[in-house]
PDB file of N, CA and C in Angstrom:
ATOM      1  N   UNK A   1      84.441  81.969  25.695  1.00  0.00           N
ATOM      2  CA  UNK A   1      85.317  80.822  25.528  1.00  0.00           C
ATOM      3  C   UNK A   1      86.546  81.228  24.723  1.00  0.00           C
ATOM      4  N   UNK A   2      87.695  80.814  25.200  1.00  0.00           N
ATOM      5  CA  UNK A   2      88.943  81.164  24.533  1.00  0.00           C
ATOM      6  C   UNK A   2      89.167  80.284  23.302  1.00  0.00           C
ATOM      7  N   UNK A   3      89.770  80.874  22.278  1.00  0.00           N
ATOM      8  CA  UNK A   3      90.119  80.110  21.087  1.00  0.00           C
ATOM      9  C   UNK A   3      91.571  79.674  21.230  1.00  0.00           C
ATOM     10  N   UNK A   4      91.779  78.354  21.231  1.00  0.00           N
ATOM     11  CA  UNK A   4      93.106  77.796  21.438  1.00  0.00           C
ATOM     12  C   UNK A   4      93.505  76.988  20.214  1.00  0.00           C
ATOM     13  N   UNK A   5      94.693  77.286  19.703  1.00  0.00           N
ATOM     14  CA  UNK A   5      95.238  76.552  18.566  1.00  0.00           C
ATOM     15  C   UNK A   5      96.616  76.033  18.962  1.00  0.00           C
ATOM     16  N   UNK A   6      96.841  74.743  18.709  1.00  0.00           N
ATOM     17  CA  UNK A   6      98.134  74.122  18.971  1.00  0.00           C
ATOM     18  C   UNK A   6      98.777  73.816  17.622  1.00  0.00           C
ATOM     19  N   UNK A   7      99.921  74.411  17.382  1.00  0.00           N
ATOM     20  CA  UNK A   7     100.709  74.119  16.183  1.00  0.00           C
ATOM     21  C   UNK A   7     101.697  73.036  16.599  1.00  0.00           C
ATOM     22  N   UNK A   8     101.587  71.869  15.965  1.00  0.00           N
ATOM     23  CA  UNK A   8     102.358  70.717  16.409  1.00  0.00           C
ATOM     24  C   UNK A   8     102.845  69.915  15.212  1.00  0.00           C
ATOM     25  N   UNK A   9     103.580  68.851  15.528  1.00  0.00           N
ATOM     26  CA  UNK A   9     103.975  67.868  14.528  1.00  0.00           C
ATOM     27  C   UNK A   9     104.126  66.518  15.227  1.00  0.00           C
ATOM     28  N   UNK A  10     103.912  65.425  14.497  1.00  0.00           N
ATOM     29  CA  UNK A  10     103.879  64.105  15.116  1.00  0.00           C
ATOM     30  C   UNK A  10     105.165  63.713  15.849  1.00  0.00           C
ATOM     31  N   UNK A  11     106.306  64.160  15.379  1.00  0.00           N
ATOM     32  CA  UNK A  11     107.590  63.752  15.966  1.00  0.00           C
ATOM     33  C   UNK A  11     108.026  64.648  17.129  1.00  0.00           C
ATOM     34  N   UNK A  12     107.088  65.351  17.743  1.00  0.00           N
ATOM     35  CA  UNK A  12     107.390  66.328  18.789  1.00  0.00           C
ATOM     36  C   UNK A  12     106.819  65.869  20.132  1.00  0.00           C
ATOM     37  N   UNK A  13     107.632  65.234  20.994  1.00  0.00           N
ATOM     38  CA  UNK A  13     107.127  64.790  22.296  1.00  0.00           C
ATOM     39  C   UNK A  13     106.510  65.912  23.143  1.00  0.00           C
ATOM     40  N   UNK A  14     107.093  67.120  23.206  1.00  0.00           N
ATOM     41  CA  UNK A  14     106.444  68.177  23.981  1.00  0.00           C
ATOM     42  C   UNK A  14     105.065  68.547  23.440  1.00  0.00           C
ATOM     43  N   UNK A  15     104.849  68.389  22.139  1.00  0.00           N
ATOM     44  CA  UNK A  15     103.532  68.657  21.552  1.00  0.00           C
ATOM     45  C   UNK A  15     102.494  67.704  22.141  1.00  0.00           C
ATOM     46  N   UNK A  16     102.871  66.444  22.275  1.00  0.00           N
ATOM     47  CA  UNK A  16     101.957  65.447  22.840  1.00  0.00           C
ATOM     48  C   UNK A  16     101.624  65.790  24.291  1.00  0.00           C
ATOM     49  N   UNK A  17     102.622  66.251  25.044  1.00  0.00           N
ATOM     50  CA  UNK A  17     102.393  66.595  26.450  1.00  0.00           C
ATOM     51  C   UNK A  17     101.444  67.786  26.564  1.00  0.00           C
ATOM     52  N   UNK A  18     101.636  68.798  25.728  1.00  0.00           N
ATOM     53  CA  UNK A  18     100.756  69.969  25.759  1.00  0.00           C
ATOM     54  C   UNK A  18      99.317  69.557  25.443  1.00  0.00           C
ATOM     55  N   UNK A  19      99.127  68.708  24.444  1.00  0.00           N
ATOM     56  CA  UNK A  19      97.783  68.259  24.091  1.00  0.00           C
ATOM     57  C   UNK A  19      97.173  67.404  25.205  1.00  0.00           C
ATOM     58  N   UNK A  20      97.987  66.568  25.845  1.00  0.00           N
ATOM     59  CA  UNK A  20      97.496  65.779  26.985  1.00  0.00           C
ATOM     60  C   UNK A  20      97.083  66.697  28.127  1.00  0.00           C
ATOM     61  N   UNK A  21      97.860  67.748  28.361  1.00  0.00           N
ATOM     62  CA  UNK A  21      97.550  68.728  29.393  1.00  0.00           C
ATOM     63  C   UNK A  21      96.192  69.380  29.118  1.00  0.00           C
ATOM     64  N   UNK A  22      95.980  69.810  27.884  1.00  0.00           N
ATOM     65  CA  UNK A  22      94.708  70.435  27.511  1.00  0.00           C
ATOM     66  C   UNK A  22      93.557  69.438  27.616  1.00  0.00           C
ATOM     67  N   UNK A  23      93.780  68.210  27.157  1.00  0.00           N
ATOM     68  CA  UNK A  23      92.751  67.170  27.256  1.00  0.00           C
ATOM     69  C   UNK A  23      92.403  66.890  28.722  1.00  0.00           C
ATOM     70  N   UNK A  24      93.427  66.810  29.567  1.00  0.00           N
ATOM     71  CA  UNK A  24      93.223  66.535  30.997  1.00  0.00           C
ATOM     72  C   UNK A  24      92.313  67.584  31.643  1.00  0.00           C
ATOM     73  N   UNK A  25      92.449  68.827  31.196  1.00  0.00           N
ATOM     74  CA  UNK A  25      91.651  69.921  31.742  1.00  0.00           C
ATOM     75  C   UNK A  25      90.368  70.158  30.938  1.00  0.00           C
ATOM     76  N   UNK A  26      90.052  69.217  30.032  1.00  0.00           N
ATOM     77  CA  UNK A  26      88.840  69.309  29.196  1.00  0.00           C
ATOM     78  C   UNK A  26      88.755  70.628  28.444  1.00  0.00           C
ATOM     79  N   UNK A  27      89.886  71.045  27.900  1.00  0.00           N
ATOM     80  CA  UNK A  27      89.954  72.297  27.150  1.00  0.00           C
ATOM     81  C   UNK A  27      89.920  71.969  25.656  1.00  0.00           C
ATOM     82  N   UNK A  28      88.981  72.563  24.968  1.00  0.00           N
ATOM     83  CA  UNK A  28      88.836  72.359  23.530  1.00  0.00           C
ATOM     84  C   UNK A  28      89.884  73.181  22.797  1.00  0.00           C
ATOM     85  N   UNK A  29      90.520  72.554  21.810  1.00  0.00           N
ATOM     86  CA  UNK A  29      91.545  73.248  21.030  1.00  0.00           C
ATOM     87  C   UNK A  29      91.531  72.720  19.603  1.00  0.00           C
ATOM     88  N   UNK A  30      92.152  73.490  18.740  1.00  0.00           N
ATOM     89  CA  UNK A  30      92.339  73.088  17.348  1.00  0.00           C
ATOM     90  C   UNK A  30      93.791  72.670  17.207  1.00  0.00           C
ATOM     91  N   UNK A  31      94.027  71.489  16.669  1.00  0.00           N
ATOM     92  CA  UNK A  31      95.385  70.994  16.454  1.00  0.00           C
ATOM     93  C   UNK A  31      95.740  71.172  14.987  1.00  0.00           C
ATOM     94  N   UNK A  32      96.822  71.902  14.734  1.00  0.00           N
ATOM     95  CA  UNK A  32      97.277  72.104  13.357  1.00  0.00           C
ATOM     96  C   UNK A  32      98.642  71.448  13.206  1.00  0.00           C
ATOM     97  N   UNK A  33      98.672  70.386  12.426  1.00  0.00           N
ATOM     98  CA  UNK A  33      99.891  69.612  12.186  1.00  0.00           C
ATOM     99  C   UNK A  33     100.688  70.287  11.072  1.00  0.00           C
ATOM    100  N   UNK A  34     101.774  70.947  11.446  1.00  0.00           N
ATOM    101  CA  UNK A  34     102.538  71.714  10.461  1.00  0.00           C
ATOM    102  C   UNK A  34     103.304  70.829   9.481  1.00  0.00           C
ATOM    103  N   UNK A  35     103.393  69.523   9.776  1.00  0.00           N
ATOM    104  CA  UNK A  35     104.099  68.634   8.856  1.00  0.00           C
ATOM    105  C   UNK A  35     103.273  68.335   7.599  1.00  0.00           C
ATOM    106  N   UNK A  36     101.960  68.554   7.686  1.00  0.00           N
ATOM    107  CA  UNK A  36     101.102  68.297   6.528  1.00  0.00           C
ATOM    108  C   UNK A  36     100.279  69.511   6.109  1.00  0.00           C
ATOM    109  N   UNK A  37     100.189  70.505   6.959  1.00  0.00           N
ATOM    110  CA  UNK A  37      99.365  71.685   6.695  1.00  0.00           C
ATOM    111  C   UNK A  37     100.267  72.881   6.376  1.00  0.00           C
ATOM    112  N   UNK A  38     100.443  73.136   5.088  1.00  0.00           N
ATOM    113  CA  UNK A  38     101.350  74.208   4.642  1.00  0.00           C
ATOM    114  C   UNK A  38     100.886  75.578   5.144  1.00  0.00           C
ATOM    115  N   UNK A  39      99.589  75.830   5.123  1.00  0.00           N
ATOM    116  CA  UNK A  39      99.073  77.111   5.603  1.00  0.00           C
ATOM    117  C   UNK A  39      99.378  77.303   7.092  1.00  0.00           C
ATOM    118  N   UNK A  40      99.224  76.245   7.866  1.00  0.00           N
ATOM    119  CA  UNK A  40      99.532  76.325   9.294  1.00  0.00           C
ATOM    120  C   UNK A  40     101.021  76.596   9.511  1.00  0.00           C
ATOM    121  N   UNK A  41     101.860  75.929   8.740  1.00  0.00           N
ATOM    122  CA  UNK A  41     103.315  76.139   8.836  1.00  0.00           C
ATOM    123  C   UNK A  41     103.656  77.591   8.505  1.00  0.00           C
ATOM    124  N   UNK A  42     103.042  78.133   7.465  1.00  0.00           N
ATOM    125  CA  UNK A  42     103.297  79.526   7.092  1.00  0.00           C
ATOM    126  C   UNK A  42     102.824  80.482   8.187  1.00  0.00           C
ATOM    127  N   UNK A  43     101.667  80.218   8.764  1.00  0.00           N
ATOM    128  CA  UNK A  43     101.162  81.048   9.862  1.00  0.00           C
ATOM    129  C   UNK A  43     102.127  81.010  11.039  1.00  0.00           C
ATOM    130  N   UNK A  44     102.602  79.816  11.369  1.00  0.00           N
ATOM    131  CA  UNK A  44     103.531  79.644  12.481  1.00  0.00           C
ATOM    132  C   UNK A  44     104.772  80.514  12.288  1.00  0.00           C
ATOM    133  N   UNK A  45     105.363  80.431  11.122  1.00  0.00           N
ATOM    134  CA  UNK A  45     106.624  81.124  10.868  1.00  0.00           C
ATOM    135  C   UNK A  45     106.416  82.615  10.613  1.00  0.00           C
ATOM    136  N   UNK A  46     105.478  82.949   9.746  1.00  0.00           N
ATOM    137  CA  UNK A  46     105.329  84.335   9.318  1.00  0.00           C
ATOM    138  C   UNK A  46     104.533  85.185  10.304  1.00  0.00           C
ATOM    139  N   UNK A  47     103.385  84.703  10.742  1.00  0.00           N
ATOM    140  CA  UNK A  47     102.514  85.512  11.602  1.00  0.00           C
ATOM    141  C   UNK A  47     102.897  85.424  13.077  1.00  0.00           C
ATOM    142  N   UNK A  48     103.258  84.216  13.523  1.00  0.00           N
ATOM    143  CA  UNK A  48     103.549  84.030  14.940  1.00  0.00           C
ATOM    144  C   UNK A  48     105.032  84.175  15.269  1.00  0.00           C
ATOM    145  N   UNK A  49     105.854  84.302  14.239  1.00  0.00           N
ATOM    146  CA  UNK A  49     107.300  84.476  14.419  1.00  0.00           C
ATOM    147  C   UNK A  49     107.902  83.341  15.244  1.00  0.00           C
ATOM    148  N   UNK A  50     107.478  82.119  14.954  1.00  0.00           N
ATOM    149  CA  UNK A  50     107.965  80.952  15.673  1.00  0.00           C
ATOM    150  C   UNK A  50     108.522  79.941  14.688  1.00  0.00           C
ATOM    151  N   UNK A  51     109.559  79.257  15.131  1.00  0.00           N
ATOM    152  CA  UNK A  51     110.106  78.185  14.298  1.00  0.00           C
ATOM    153  C   UNK A  51     110.151  76.874  15.077  1.00  0.00           C
ATOM    154  N   UNK A  52     109.376  76.811  16.158  1.00  0.00           N
ATOM    155  CA  UNK A  52     109.393  75.594  16.960  1.00  0.00           C
ATOM    156  C   UNK A  52     107.987  75.157  17.335  1.00  0.00           C
ATOM    157  N   UNK A  53     107.893  73.871  17.631  1.00  0.00           N
ATOM    158  CA  UNK A  53     106.645  73.310  18.129  1.00  0.00           C
ATOM    159  C   UNK A  53     106.921  72.732  19.499  1.00  0.00           C
ATOM    160  N   UNK A  54     105.956  72.737  20.375  1.00  0.00           N
ATOM    161  CA  UNK A  54     104.629  73.288  20.159  1.00  0.00           C
ATOM    162  C   UNK A  54     104.632  74.810  20.253  1.00  0.00           C
ATOM    163  N   UNK A  55     103.765  75.418  19.488  1.00  0.00           N
ATOM    164  CA  UNK A  55     103.426  76.819  19.657  1.00  0.00           C
ATOM    165  C   UNK A  55     101.914  76.840  19.835  1.00  0.00           C
ATOM    166  N   UNK A  56     101.468  77.522  20.873  1.00  0.00           N
ATOM    167  CA  UNK A  56     100.050  77.548  21.212  1.00  0.00           C
ATOM    168  C   UNK A  56      99.568  78.985  21.219  1.00  0.00           C
ATOM    169  N   UNK A  57      98.419  79.222  20.592  1.00  0.00           N
ATOM    170  CA  UNK A  57      97.791  80.531  20.707  1.00  0.00           C
ATOM    171  C   UNK A  57      96.555  80.398  21.578  1.00  0.00           C
ATOM    172  N   UNK A  58      96.430  81.337  22.499  1.00  0.00           N
ATOM    173  CA  UNK A  58      95.251  81.440  23.359  1.00  0.00           C
ATOM    174  C   UNK A  58      94.683  82.825  23.073  1.00  0.00           C
ATOM    175  N   UNK A  59      93.639  82.857  22.270  1.00  0.00           N
ATOM    176  CA  UNK A  59      93.117  84.112  21.726  1.00  0.00           C
ATOM    177  C   UNK A  59      94.259  84.823  21.009  1.00  0.00           C
ATOM    178  N   UNK A  60      94.685  85.983  21.488  1.00  0.00           N
ATOM    179  CA  UNK A  60      95.755  86.719  20.804  1.00  0.00           C
ATOM    180  C   UNK A  60      97.121  86.562  21.472  1.00  0.00           C
ATOM    181  N   UNK A  61      97.218  85.697  22.466  1.00  0.00           N
ATOM    182  CA  UNK A  61      98.479  85.450  23.165  1.00  0.00           C
ATOM    183  C   UNK A  61      99.173  84.228  22.558  1.00  0.00           C
ATOM    184  N   UNK A  62     100.505  84.293  22.473  1.00  0.00           N
ATOM    185  CA  UNK A  62     101.279  83.211  21.870  1.00  0.00           C
ATOM    186  C   UNK A  62     102.224  82.616  22.908  1.00  0.00           C
ATOM    187  N   UNK A  63     102.213  81.288  22.992  1.00  0.00           N
ATOM    188  CA  UNK A  63     103.143  80.567  23.859  1.00  0.00           C
ATOM    189  C   UNK A  63     104.015  79.713  22.948  1.00  0.00           C
ATOM    190  N   UNK A  64     105.300  80.065  22.884  1.00  0.00           N
ATOM    191  CA  UNK A  64     106.231  79.332  22.031  1.00  0.00           C
ATOM    192  C   UNK A  64     107.004  78.345  22.893  1.00  0.00           C
ATOM    193  N   UNK A  65     106.955  77.087  22.481  1.00  0.00           N
ATOM    194  CA  UNK A  65     107.671  76.054  23.212  1.00  0.00           C
ATOM    195  C   UNK A  65     106.841  75.445  24.324  1.00  0.00           C
ATOM    196  N   UNK A  66     107.496  74.647  25.130  1.00  0.00           N
ATOM    197  CA  UNK A  66     106.861  73.871  26.182  1.00  0.00           C
ATOM    198  C   UNK A  66     106.825  74.700  27.462  1.00  0.00           C
ATOM    199  N   UNK A  67     105.716  75.396  27.700  1.00  0.00           N
ATOM    200  CA  UNK A  67     105.607  76.287  28.856  1.00  0.00           C
ATOM    201  C   UNK A  67     104.225  76.117  29.498  1.00  0.00           C
ATOM    202  N   UNK A  68     104.085  75.049  30.280  1.00  0.00           N
ATOM    203  CA  UNK A  68     102.793  74.750  30.893  1.00  0.00           C
ATOM    204  C   UNK A  68     102.385  75.816  31.911  1.00  0.00           C
ATOM    205  N   UNK A  69     103.351  76.412  32.600  1.00  0.00           N
ATOM    206  CA  UNK A  69     103.028  77.458  33.588  1.00  0.00           C
ATOM    207  C   UNK A  69     102.366  78.648  32.903  1.00  0.00           C
ATOM    208  N   UNK A  70     102.896  79.058  31.775  1.00  0.00           N
ATOM    209  CA  UNK A  70     102.304  80.181  31.042  1.00  0.00           C
ATOM    210  C   UNK A  70     100.911  79.815  30.516  1.00  0.00           C
ATOM    211  N   UNK A  71     100.770  78.571  30.040  1.00  0.00           N
ATOM    212  CA  UNK A  71      99.449  78.123  29.589  1.00  0.00           C
ATOM    213  C   UNK A  71      98.451  78.130  30.729  1.00  0.00           C
ATOM    214  N   UNK A  72      98.866  77.639  31.896  1.00  0.00           N
ATOM    215  CA  UNK A  72      97.970  77.638  33.072  1.00  0.00           C
ATOM    216  C   UNK A  72      97.499  79.062  33.367  1.00  0.00           C
ATOM    217  N   UNK A  73      98.419  80.004  33.330  1.00  0.00           N
ATOM    218  CA  UNK A  73      98.072  81.400  33.623  1.00  0.00           C
ATOM    219  C   UNK A  73      97.088  81.937  32.591  1.00  0.00           C
ATOM    220  N   UNK A  74      97.371  81.728  31.306  1.00  0.00           N
ATOM    221  CA  UNK A  74      96.490  82.241  30.249  1.00  0.00           C
ATOM    222  C   UNK A  74      95.115  81.597  30.279  1.00  0.00           C
ATOM    223  N   UNK A  75      95.060  80.342  30.731  1.00  0.00           N
ATOM    224  CA  UNK A  75      93.789  79.617  30.761  1.00  0.00           C
ATOM    225  C   UNK A  75      93.066  79.748  32.098  1.00  0.00           C
ATOM    226  N   UNK A  76      93.690  80.425  33.035  1.00  0.00           N
ATOM    227  CA  UNK A  76      93.071  80.614  34.334  1.00  0.00           C
ATOM    228  C   UNK A  76      92.968  79.349  35.159  1.00  0.00           C
ATOM    229  N   UNK A  77      93.970  78.508  35.056  1.00  0.00           N
ATOM    230  CA  UNK A  77      93.965  77.219  35.792  1.00  0.00           C
ATOM    231  C   UNK A  77      94.760  77.332  37.084  1.00  0.00           C
TER     232      UNK A  77
END
């Protein structure tokens, strides 16, 4: 089973779409709200080299921004 983490924030419409996409496909994920989770925000910026949401990790692969096609490929959909 793949480990999926969504780095998001409440005021991000594409974040909601990505989570709806994952929910629609019954894919379990961890949602990290960077607006309240300082550690998640630091991971996003420092480790993942991203300054935007949504950023999604699928195991060791990183998808920065709203890219459902790339997510489909990584998830084998």
